[in-house]
Amino acid sequence: MPKDTTKTLAITAMQPSDLAVVLSNAYRRKVTEEQVLEIAKAGNLLAADGTINLIHYTAYLAGEECVVIPWV
């Protein structure tokens, strides 16, 4: 019987190296661990154990790109 080799990722506590792989696959271009750490440090997104919450990371990136449009 074959073993299940699927790796489960906890999106609320990802290692920077794992997050770099996920982002590389999503963007279809190379994202390095150093790039992930640079953004995480800039946004104060690193947990005490060195992990990153993908939801917070994505929200930080979206916040950098978003323009707030006031309600009319």
Foldseek 3Di string as FASTA:
>chain_A
DDDDPDDDDDLQFAALQVVQVVVCVVVVHGGHSVNSVVQCVVVVQADPVRTGRNVVSVVSVVVVVDDDDDDD
